[in-house]
C-alpha cells in the first residue's frame, strides 16, 4: 500500500507524519500538504473511527470472558480467600462506571427521541 491510502492508514493508527510519509513513499511536506486538505483529514478521522470501533468490539468480547473468569474465581471454594476477595472487588469496582454509562446512554436516547418527536 503506497500513496495517500498508506498515509491515511498510518496517521489513523497514530503514527507520526514522518512515519506516514515513509509508509506512503512521499516526503513529509507532501503529508503535511495532504493533512491541510479537509477531505484527507476527514478520511483519517473515518479510518481512526473504524479502528476504534473494531477495537471496542474486541474489548467487549474479551470483557465477557474476563467477567466470567472473575465470577468463577469469586465462587470457587478452592481459591484462597484473598483471590476471591480481589476478584469480587474488581467486579464491583467495574460495575458502577458501566451502570452509569448505560444509564447515560439510555437517557441520551430518550432525549434524542423526544427532540425528534418535537421536530416532526
Protein backbone atom coordinates (compact mmCIF):
# COMPACT_ATOMS: atom_id res chain seq x y z
CA UNK A 1 0.00 0.00 0.00
CA UNK A 2 1.50 3.29 -1.08
CA UNK A 3 0.49 6.89 -1.50
CA UNK A 4 -2.38 8.66 0.21
CA UNK A 5 -4.01 5.42 1.36
CA UNK A 6 -0.86 4.38 3.21
CA UNK A 7 -0.53 7.83 4.77
CA UNK A 8 -4.16 7.77 5.91
CA UNK A 9 -3.71 4.33 7.46
CA UNK A 10 -0.52 5.34 9.24
CA UNK A 11 -1.90 8.60 10.61
CA UNK A 12 -5.15 6.95 11.70
CA UNK A 13 -3.11 4.36 13.59
CA UNK A 14 -1.31 7.14 15.47
CA UNK A 15 1.92 7.24 13.51
CA UNK A 16 3.81 10.50 13.12
CA UNK A 17 3.65 12.47 9.87
CA UNK A 18 7.22 11.43 9.09
CA UNK A 19 6.35 7.75 9.60
CA UNK A 20 3.24 8.24 7.43
CA UNK A 21 5.42 9.82 4.73
CA UNK A 22 7.80 6.88 4.81
CA UNK A 23 4.90 4.41 4.60
CA UNK A 24 3.40 6.36 1.70
CA UNK A 25 6.69 6.75 -0.16
CA UNK A 26 6.42 10.54 -0.18
CA UNK A 27 8.03 13.48 1.60
CA UNK A 28 6.88 14.83 4.94
CA UNK A 29 5.98 18.04 3.10
CA UNK A 30 3.54 16.09 0.95
CA UNK A 31 1.93 14.55 4.02
CA UNK A 32 1.69 18.00 5.62
CA UNK A 33 0.02 19.31 2.47
CA UNK A 34 -2.42 16.38 2.47
CA UNK A 35 -3.19 16.95 6.15
CA UNK A 36 -4.24 20.51 5.33
CA UNK A 37 -6.92 19.18 2.97
CA UNK A 38 -10.31 18.79 4.70
CA UNK A 39 -11.14 15.63 2.71
CA UNK A 40 -7.87 13.97 3.73
CA UNK A 41 -8.35 14.92 7.38
CA UNK A 42 -11.90 13.54 7.24
CA UNK A 43 -10.61 10.28 5.76
CA UNK A 44 -8.06 9.94 8.58
CA UNK A 45 -10.85 10.54 11.14
CA UNK A 46 -13.10 7.96 9.45
CA UNK A 47 -10.37 5.31 9.38
CA UNK A 48 -9.46 6.06 13.00
CA UNK A 49 -13.13 5.75 13.99
CA UNK A 50 -13.32 2.34 12.27
CA UNK A 51 -10.14 1.22 14.07
CA UNK A 52 -11.57 2.34 17.42
CA UNK A 53 -14.93 0.70 16.70
CA UNK A 54 -13.22 -2.59 15.85
CA UNK A 55 -11.09 -2.35 18.99
CA UNK A 56 -14.14 -1.64 21.14
CA UNK A 57 -15.86 -4.71 19.71
CA UNK A 58 -12.89 -6.91 20.51
CA UNK A 59 -12.64 -5.44 24.01
CA UNK A 60 -16.34 -6.10 24.61
CA UNK A 61 -15.91 -9.73 23.60
CA UNK A 62 -12.88 -10.12 25.85
CA UNK A 63 -14.72 -8.36 28.68
CA UNK A 64 -17.40 -11.07 28.70
CA UNK A 65 -14.68 -13.70 29.13
CA UNK A 66 -12.97 -11.63 31.83
CA UNK A 67 -16.21 -11.25 33.80
CA UNK A 68 -16.87 -14.98 33.54
CA UNK A 69 -13.38 -15.72 34.82
CA UNK A 70 -13.73 -13.29 37.73
CA UNK A 71 -17.16 -14.66 38.62
CA UNK A 72 -15.74 -18.17 38.62
CA UNK A 73 -12.92 -17.09 40.94
CA UNK A 74 -15.37 -15.44 43.35
CA UNK A 75 -17.43 -18.60 43.72
CA UNK A 76 -14.63 -21.18 43.65
CA UNK A 77 -14.14 -22.53 47.19
CA UNK A 78 -10.77 -23.93 46.12
CA UNK A 79 -9.39 -20.41 45.65
CA UNK A 80 -7.67 -18.69 48.56
CA UNK A 81 -9.74 -16.03 50.31
CA UNK A 82 -7.59 -13.14 49.09
CA UNK A 83 -8.07 -14.25 45.46
CA UNK A 84 -11.86 -14.46 45.89
CA UNK A 85 -11.97 -11.05 47.59
CA UNK A 86 -9.81 -9.43 44.91
CA UNK A 87 -11.93 -10.91 42.10
CA UNK A 88 -15.09 -9.64 43.82
CA UNK A 89 -13.53 -6.23 44.32
CA UNK A 90 -12.61 -5.99 40.62
CA UNK A 91 -16.15 -6.95 39.61
CA UNK A 92 -17.79 -4.47 41.97
CA UNK A 93 -15.47 -1.61 41.01
CA UNK A 94 -16.25 -2.19 37.32
CA UNK A 95 -19.99 -2.31 37.89
CA UNK A 96 -20.67 1.33 38.81
CA UNK A 97 -18.96 3.00 35.82
CA UNK A 98 -20.64 0.55 33.47
CA UNK A 99 -24.02 1.15 35.08
CA UNK A 100 -23.51 4.92 34.82
CA UNK A 101 -22.54 4.61 31.15
CA UNK A 102 -25.60 2.51 30.32
CA UNK A 103 -27.84 4.92 32.24
CA UNK A 104 -26.41 7.92 30.36
CA UNK A 105 -26.84 6.15 27.01
CA UNK A 106 -30.49 5.41 27.82
CA UNK A 107 -31.16 8.97 28.96
CA UNK A 108 -29.50 10.41 25.87
CA UNK A 109 -31.52 8.11 23.61
CA UNK A 110 -34.72 9.27 25.34
CA UNK A 111 -33.76 12.95 24.91
CA UNK A 112 -32.93 12.39 21.23
CA UNK A 113 -36.24 10.59 20.71
CA UNK A 114 -38.11 13.50 22.38
CA UNK A 115 -36.24 16.01 20.22
CA UNK A 116 -37.00 14.05 17.09
CA UNK A 117 -40.66 13.79 18.06
CA UNK A 118 -40.88 17.56 18.59
CA UNK A 119 -39.45 18.25 15.12
CA UNK A 120 -41.96 16.09 13.28
